Amino acid sequence: MDYHRKIIDLLEENLTEASFKLWRGIDKLIPNCWDKPTSTTGKYHKKANGDVQKQGEHIYEMLYATSKIIKLFGHEVPSAETDKIFLAVAMHDTMKFGQFGTRKHTDNRHDKLGADMVASNKRTFNKIFTDEQFFVLEESMRFHSGRWSTDAKWSDFNWKDYNPETLFIHILDMLSTQDLLKSEE
């Protein structure tokens, strides 16, 4: 199954023209890890049959679920408000095998690496997003692992301190990790 192609098609269907154009540029620059496992130890992201998901399947599953329930945020699709969520989901694990996608094992700091990549390109993102929308996009990537995120402080981590979109992406990620998300496949 070509999940990378399915991701592109789903994003084209759900993003504004400007955000989809941005995605096409991002997609050319990020590591091509779509066919790599989501867990190199085999402990996480197991399907019911015991297989470990590939990155592309994981991302597609989360994007598919997002496309079905994004209306809960009360915004029209497509819009910059929903684009920031779709892009955060699409990019949340882009650095899972390091900045160049060459690590042998997954990098448990990938949340920080991905968010730092987005932060370093703020000017580009601000051509589409307001500062507030950009903040939510970056935060959603940085803390998509919840209390296990690289930049989270375990002792005082509290979801009340984060945007709803960040919790949304964390929940989707956790559901996928436990094989609780399904797509049309």
Protein backbone atom coordinates (compact mmCIF):
# COMPACT_ATOMS: atom_id res chain seq x y z
CA MET A 1 0.00 0.00 0.00
CA ASP A 2 1.39 3.41 -0.95
CA TYR A 3 0.49 5.36 2.19
CA HIS A 4 2.65 8.31 1.15
CA ARG A 5 0.44 8.77 -1.93
CA LYS A 6 -2.69 8.39 0.22
CA ILE A 7 -1.36 11.07 2.61
CA ILE A 8 -0.78 13.46 -0.29
CA ASP A 9 -4.27 12.82 -1.68
CA LEU A 10 -5.95 13.27 1.72
CA LEU A 11 -4.07 16.51 2.36
CA GLU A 12 -4.90 17.84 -1.11
CA GLU A 13 -8.57 17.17 -0.40
CA ASN A 14 -8.55 18.84 3.05
CA LEU A 15 -6.02 21.70 2.92
CA THR A 16 -6.39 25.15 1.44
CA GLU A 17 -4.50 25.62 -1.81
CA ALA A 18 -1.78 27.67 -0.07
CA SER A 19 -1.23 25.09 2.68
CA PHE A 20 -1.18 22.21 0.20
CA LYS A 21 1.46 24.04 -1.82
CA LEU A 22 3.45 24.50 1.41
CA TRP A 23 3.02 20.78 2.20
CA ARG A 24 4.37 19.81 -1.23
CA GLY A 25 7.50 21.86 -0.50
CA ILE A 26 7.86 20.40 3.00
CA ASP A 27 7.38 16.88 1.66
CA LYS A 28 10.38 17.34 -0.64
CA LEU A 29 12.59 18.44 2.27
CA ILE A 30 11.67 16.09 5.10
CA PRO A 31 13.23 12.63 5.37
CA ASN A 32 11.47 9.94 3.35
CA CYS A 33 10.60 7.63 6.25
CA TRP A 34 7.14 6.56 5.12
CA ASP A 35 8.13 2.88 4.82
CA LYS A 36 10.17 2.75 8.03
CA PRO A 37 8.69 1.20 11.17
CA THR A 38 7.08 3.40 13.79
CA SER A 39 8.91 1.39 16.44
CA THR A 40 12.33 -0.12 15.82
CA THR A 41 12.19 -2.11 19.07
CA GLY A 42 8.88 -3.69 18.12
CA LYS A 43 7.35 -2.73 21.47
CA TYR A 44 5.01 -0.02 20.20
CA HIS A 45 2.54 0.56 17.36
CA LYS A 46 1.69 -3.12 17.04
CA LYS A 47 -1.30 -4.06 14.95
CA ALA A 48 -3.65 -6.86 16.08
CA ASN A 49 -1.64 -9.36 14.02
CA GLY A 50 1.61 -8.39 15.81
CA ASP A 51 3.10 -6.40 12.92
CA VAL A 52 4.57 -2.98 13.68
CA GLN A 53 3.06 -0.15 11.67
CA LYS A 54 5.04 1.76 9.09
CA GLN A 55 5.31 5.52 9.45
CA GLY A 56 3.11 6.16 6.43
CA GLU A 57 0.29 3.97 7.72
CA HIS A 58 0.46 5.62 11.15
CA ILE A 59 0.32 9.15 9.72
CA TYR A 60 -2.41 8.26 7.25
CA GLU A 61 -4.52 6.68 9.99
CA MET A 62 -4.25 9.83 12.10
CA LEU A 63 -5.00 12.10 9.13
CA TYR A 64 -7.99 9.99 8.12
CA ALA A 65 -9.42 10.17 11.65
CA THR A 66 -8.75 13.91 11.69
CA SER A 67 -10.66 14.34 8.42
CA LYS A 68 -13.66 12.58 9.91
CA ILE A 69 -13.87 14.47 13.22
CA ILE A 70 -12.14 17.83 12.66
CA LYS A 71 -15.50 19.59 12.66
CA LEU A 72 -15.41 19.29 16.45
CA PHE A 73 -13.22 22.42 16.40
CA GLY A 74 -16.04 24.38 14.72
CA HIS A 75 -14.09 25.57 11.67
CA GLU A 76 -14.79 25.18 7.97
CA VAL A 77 -12.65 22.72 6.04
CA PRO A 78 -10.46 23.84 4.44
CA SER A 79 -9.30 26.87 6.39
CA ALA A 80 -6.08 28.01 8.04
CA GLU A 81 -7.58 26.89 11.37
CA THR A 82 -7.97 23.31 10.17
CA ASP A 83 -4.79 23.41 8.03
CA LYS A 84 -2.64 23.91 11.13
CA ILE A 85 -4.08 20.68 12.59
CA PHE A 86 -3.70 18.62 9.42
CA LEU A 87 -0.12 19.84 8.96
CA ALA A 88 0.79 19.15 12.59
CA VAL A 89 -0.52 15.59 12.24
CA ALA A 90 1.29 15.11 8.91
CA MET A 91 4.59 16.41 10.31
CA HIS A 92 4.52 15.21 13.93
CA ASP A 93 6.81 12.21 13.31
CA THR A 94 8.88 13.56 10.41
CA MET A 95 12.06 13.50 12.49
CA LYS A 96 11.48 10.07 14.02
CA PHE A 97 14.68 8.80 12.36
CA GLY A 98 16.62 12.02 12.91
CA GLN A 99 17.00 15.19 10.89
CA PHE A 100 18.16 13.29 7.80
CA GLY A 101 16.17 10.11 8.36
CA THR A 102 19.34 8.05 8.65
CA ARG A 103 19.22 6.83 12.25
CA LYS A 104 19.08 3.09 12.74
CA HIS A 105 16.61 3.45 15.62
CA THR A 106 13.86 5.94 16.28
CA ASP A 107 14.88 9.15 18.02
CA ASN A 108 12.92 9.71 21.23
CA ARG A 109 13.58 13.46 20.81
CA HIS A 110 11.80 13.56 17.43
CA ASP A 111 9.03 15.76 18.86
CA LYS A 112 11.54 18.50 19.69
CA LEU A 113 13.46 18.08 16.44
CA GLY A 114 10.28 18.40 14.37
CA ALA A 115 8.98 21.40 16.30
CA ASP A 116 12.40 23.08 16.14
CA MET A 117 12.42 22.57 12.36
CA VAL A 118 9.02 24.24 12.13
CA ALA A 119 10.08 27.05 14.49
CA SER A 120 13.17 27.78 12.39
CA ASN A 121 10.89 28.31 9.38
CA LYS A 122 8.34 30.55 11.10
CA ARG A 123 8.56 33.24 8.44
CA THR A 124 7.49 30.75 5.77
CA PHE A 125 4.60 29.43 7.86
CA ASN A 126 3.50 33.00 8.70
CA LYS A 127 2.72 33.56 5.02
CA ILE A 128 -0.31 31.35 5.70
CA PHE A 129 -0.79 31.34 9.46
CA THR A 130 -1.20 34.07 12.05
CA ASP A 131 1.23 34.05 14.97
CA GLU A 132 -1.41 32.35 17.12
CA GLN A 133 -2.12 29.66 14.52
CA PHE A 134 1.61 29.09 14.08
CA PHE A 135 2.04 28.78 17.85
CA VAL A 136 -0.61 26.03 17.95
CA LEU A 137 1.02 24.19 15.04
CA GLU A 138 4.43 24.26 16.70
CA GLU A 139 3.09 23.40 20.16
CA SER A 140 1.09 20.48 18.75
CA MET A 141 4.23 19.01 17.27
CA ARG A 142 6.44 19.75 20.28
CA PHE A 143 4.06 18.16 22.78
CA HIS A 144 2.36 15.47 20.68
CA SER A 145 3.92 12.90 23.04
CA GLY A 146 2.16 14.50 26.01
CA ARG A 147 3.99 14.20 29.31
CA TRP A 148 6.64 12.07 27.54
CA SER A 149 7.55 14.95 25.21
CA THR A 150 11.19 16.02 25.23
CA ASP A 151 10.36 19.56 26.37
CA ALA A 152 7.71 18.54 28.92
CA LYS A 153 8.42 18.86 32.62
CA TRP A 154 7.04 15.69 34.20
CA SER A 155 6.64 17.18 37.65
CA ASP A 156 4.19 19.86 36.58
CA PHE A 157 2.84 18.72 33.20
CA ASN A 158 -0.85 19.57 32.95
CA TRP A 159 -3.03 19.56 29.85
CA LYS A 160 -4.72 22.76 31.08
CA ASP A 161 -1.52 24.55 30.02
CA TYR A 162 -1.84 23.49 26.36
CA ASN A 163 -4.14 24.13 23.43
CA PRO A 164 -6.95 21.66 22.67
CA GLU A 165 -5.36 20.87 19.29
CA THR A 166 -2.23 19.62 21.06
CA LEU A 167 -4.26 17.25 23.22
CA PHE A 168 -6.22 16.17 20.13
CA ILE A 169 -3.05 15.14 18.29
CA HIS A 170 -1.68 13.42 21.38
CA ILE A 171 -4.89 11.41 21.75
CA LEU A 172 -4.86 10.40 18.06
CA ASP A 173 -1.21 9.36 18.41
CA MET A 174 -1.97 7.27 21.50
CA LEU A 175 -5.00 5.67 19.83
CA SER A 176 -2.89 4.75 16.83
CA THR A 177 -0.13 3.38 19.05
CA GLN A 178 -2.68 1.04 20.63
CA ASP A 179 -4.18 0.00 17.26
CA LEU A 180 -7.46 1.74 18.03
CA LEU A 181 -7.68 3.92 14.90
CA LYS A 182 -9.04 2.59 11.66
CA SER A 183 -9.16 3.94 8.13
CA GLU A 184 -11.27 2.85 5.18
CA GLU A 185 -8.81 0.01 4.48
